[in-house]
Amino acid sequence: MSFHHLQEIEPRNPLPGCTARFVHSQSMTLSYWNLEKNAVIPHHSHPHEQVTNVIEGELELTVAGQTQRLTPGSIAVIPSHAFHSANALSPSFVIDVFYPVREDYR
C-alpha cells in the first residue's frame, strides 16, 4: 500500500502544453494531466485499455475516427489498440487510467 499527494509527485512535460504526474500500482497507471488551451495529444495507439475522465475544461477527443466534445464529468473508455487523439479546447485537467501499467510512463 502507498499514499501520495498529487502536488508532491514530480511533474513531467511529455508533450508541448501538457504537464503530467503519474502514479503506478502493480497493474495500473493513473496519469493526471494539466493541458493548456490548444494542447494536442497526437494520433496514436497503445496496447493498454484507457479510461479518460475530464475533471475541468473541454477536450475534443477522437477515438477510432469518432470525435466527441468532452466536458467536466465526461468519461471515455478507449479500447486497447484503438487509435485516438485529443485537443484541449480550453485549459483542462484530465485523469487517465491505464491497464496494464504504462511502463513508458515510469
Protein backbone atom coordinates (compact mmCIF):
# COMPACT_ATOMS: atom_id res chain seq x y z
CA MET A 1 0.00 0.00 0.00
CA SER A 2 1.22 3.52 -0.69
CA PHE A 3 -0.10 7.03 -0.23
CA HIS A 4 0.68 10.06 -2.38
CA HIS A 5 -0.13 13.75 -2.59
CA LEU A 6 -0.57 14.90 -6.17
CA GLN A 7 1.40 18.13 -5.74
CA GLU A 8 4.38 16.18 -4.37
CA ILE A 9 4.68 13.97 -7.48
CA GLU A 10 7.31 15.25 -9.89
CA PRO A 11 5.61 16.81 -12.93
CA ARG A 12 6.74 15.82 -16.41
CA ASN A 13 6.16 17.53 -19.75
CA PRO A 14 5.71 14.69 -22.25
CA LEU A 15 4.23 16.98 -24.94
CA PRO A 16 4.10 20.74 -25.59
CA GLY A 17 1.44 22.37 -23.42
CA CYS A 18 1.00 19.20 -21.34
CA THR A 19 2.11 18.60 -17.78
CA ALA A 20 1.52 15.17 -16.27
CA ARG A 21 2.00 13.40 -12.97
CA PHE A 22 1.98 9.58 -12.86
CA VAL A 23 1.06 7.05 -10.17
CA HIS A 24 1.62 3.33 -10.71
CA SER A 25 0.14 0.33 -8.95
CA GLN A 26 1.11 -3.24 -9.70
CA SER A 27 -1.36 -3.42 -12.58
CA MET A 28 -2.46 0.15 -13.47
CA THR A 29 -1.13 3.61 -14.24
CA LEU A 30 -3.01 6.77 -13.35
CA SER A 31 -1.99 9.97 -15.10
CA TYR A 32 -3.06 13.44 -14.03
CA TRP A 33 -2.85 15.87 -16.97
CA ASN A 34 -2.91 19.66 -16.94
CA LEU A 35 -3.42 20.74 -20.54
CA GLU A 36 -3.02 24.28 -21.82
CA LYS A 37 -5.60 25.56 -24.28
CA ASN A 38 -4.86 24.15 -27.78
CA ALA A 39 -2.53 21.46 -26.42
CA VAL A 40 -2.62 18.43 -28.73
CA ILE A 41 -2.19 14.75 -27.95
CA PRO A 42 -1.26 13.39 -31.39
CA HIS A 43 -2.94 10.43 -33.11
CA HIS A 44 -1.59 7.23 -31.54
CA SER A 45 -2.48 3.82 -30.14
CA HIS A 46 -1.12 1.53 -27.43
CA PRO A 47 -1.89 -1.94 -26.06
CA HIS A 48 -3.37 -0.50 -22.86
CA GLU A 49 -7.04 -0.01 -22.11
CA GLN A 50 -7.58 3.65 -21.20
CA VAL A 51 -10.34 5.43 -19.32
CA THR A 52 -10.27 9.22 -19.70
CA ASN A 53 -12.02 11.40 -17.10
CA VAL A 54 -12.43 15.13 -17.75
CA ILE A 55 -12.40 16.98 -14.43
CA GLU A 56 -12.06 20.58 -15.67
CA GLY A 57 -12.17 22.23 -19.08
CA GLU A 58 -13.21 21.00 -22.51
CA LEU A 59 -11.46 18.38 -24.56
CA GLU A 60 -12.09 17.23 -28.12
CA LEU A 61 -11.33 13.52 -28.22
CA THR A 62 -11.24 11.40 -31.36
CA VAL A 63 -11.32 7.61 -30.93
CA ALA A 64 -11.36 5.27 -33.94
CA GLY A 65 -12.48 8.13 -36.18
CA GLN A 66 -15.33 9.30 -33.91
CA THR A 67 -14.95 12.78 -32.37
CA GLN A 68 -16.68 13.87 -29.16
CA ARG A 69 -16.51 17.08 -27.15
CA LEU A 70 -15.89 16.16 -23.51
CA THR A 71 -16.73 18.44 -20.59
CA PRO A 72 -16.40 18.01 -16.80
CA GLY A 73 -17.94 14.69 -15.82
CA SER A 74 -17.39 13.14 -19.26
CA ILE A 75 -15.75 9.73 -19.35
CA ALA A 76 -14.37 7.95 -22.41
CA VAL A 77 -13.45 4.27 -22.45
CA ILE A 78 -10.77 3.68 -25.07
CA PRO A 79 -10.16 0.05 -26.06
CA SER A 80 -6.74 -1.49 -26.38
CA HIS A 81 -5.04 -0.63 -29.71
CA ALA A 82 -7.70 1.96 -30.70
CA PHE A 83 -6.19 4.97 -32.47
CA HIS A 84 -7.03 8.20 -30.66
CA SER A 85 -6.03 11.87 -30.32
CA ALA A 86 -7.10 14.89 -28.28
CA ASN A 87 -7.19 18.68 -28.48
CA ALA A 88 -7.70 20.86 -25.40
CA LEU A 89 -10.38 23.41 -26.29
CA SER A 90 -9.69 25.22 -23.01
CA PRO A 91 -7.27 24.77 -20.12
CA SER A 92 -8.15 21.30 -18.85
CA PHE A 93 -7.49 18.84 -16.04
CA VAL A 94 -7.88 15.20 -17.12
CA ILE A 95 -7.29 11.92 -15.33
CA ASP A 96 -6.39 8.88 -17.44
CA VAL A 97 -6.36 5.33 -16.08
CA PHE A 98 -4.40 2.69 -18.00
CA TYR A 99 -4.41 -1.09 -17.71
CA PRO A 100 -1.94 -2.67 -17.63
CA VAL A 101 0.83 -0.40 -16.30
CA ARG A 102 2.31 2.09 -18.76
CA GLU A 103 5.98 1.18 -18.39
CA ASP A 104 6.86 4.07 -20.72
CA TYR A 105 5.46 6.47 -18.08
CA ARG A 106 7.57 5.12 -15.20
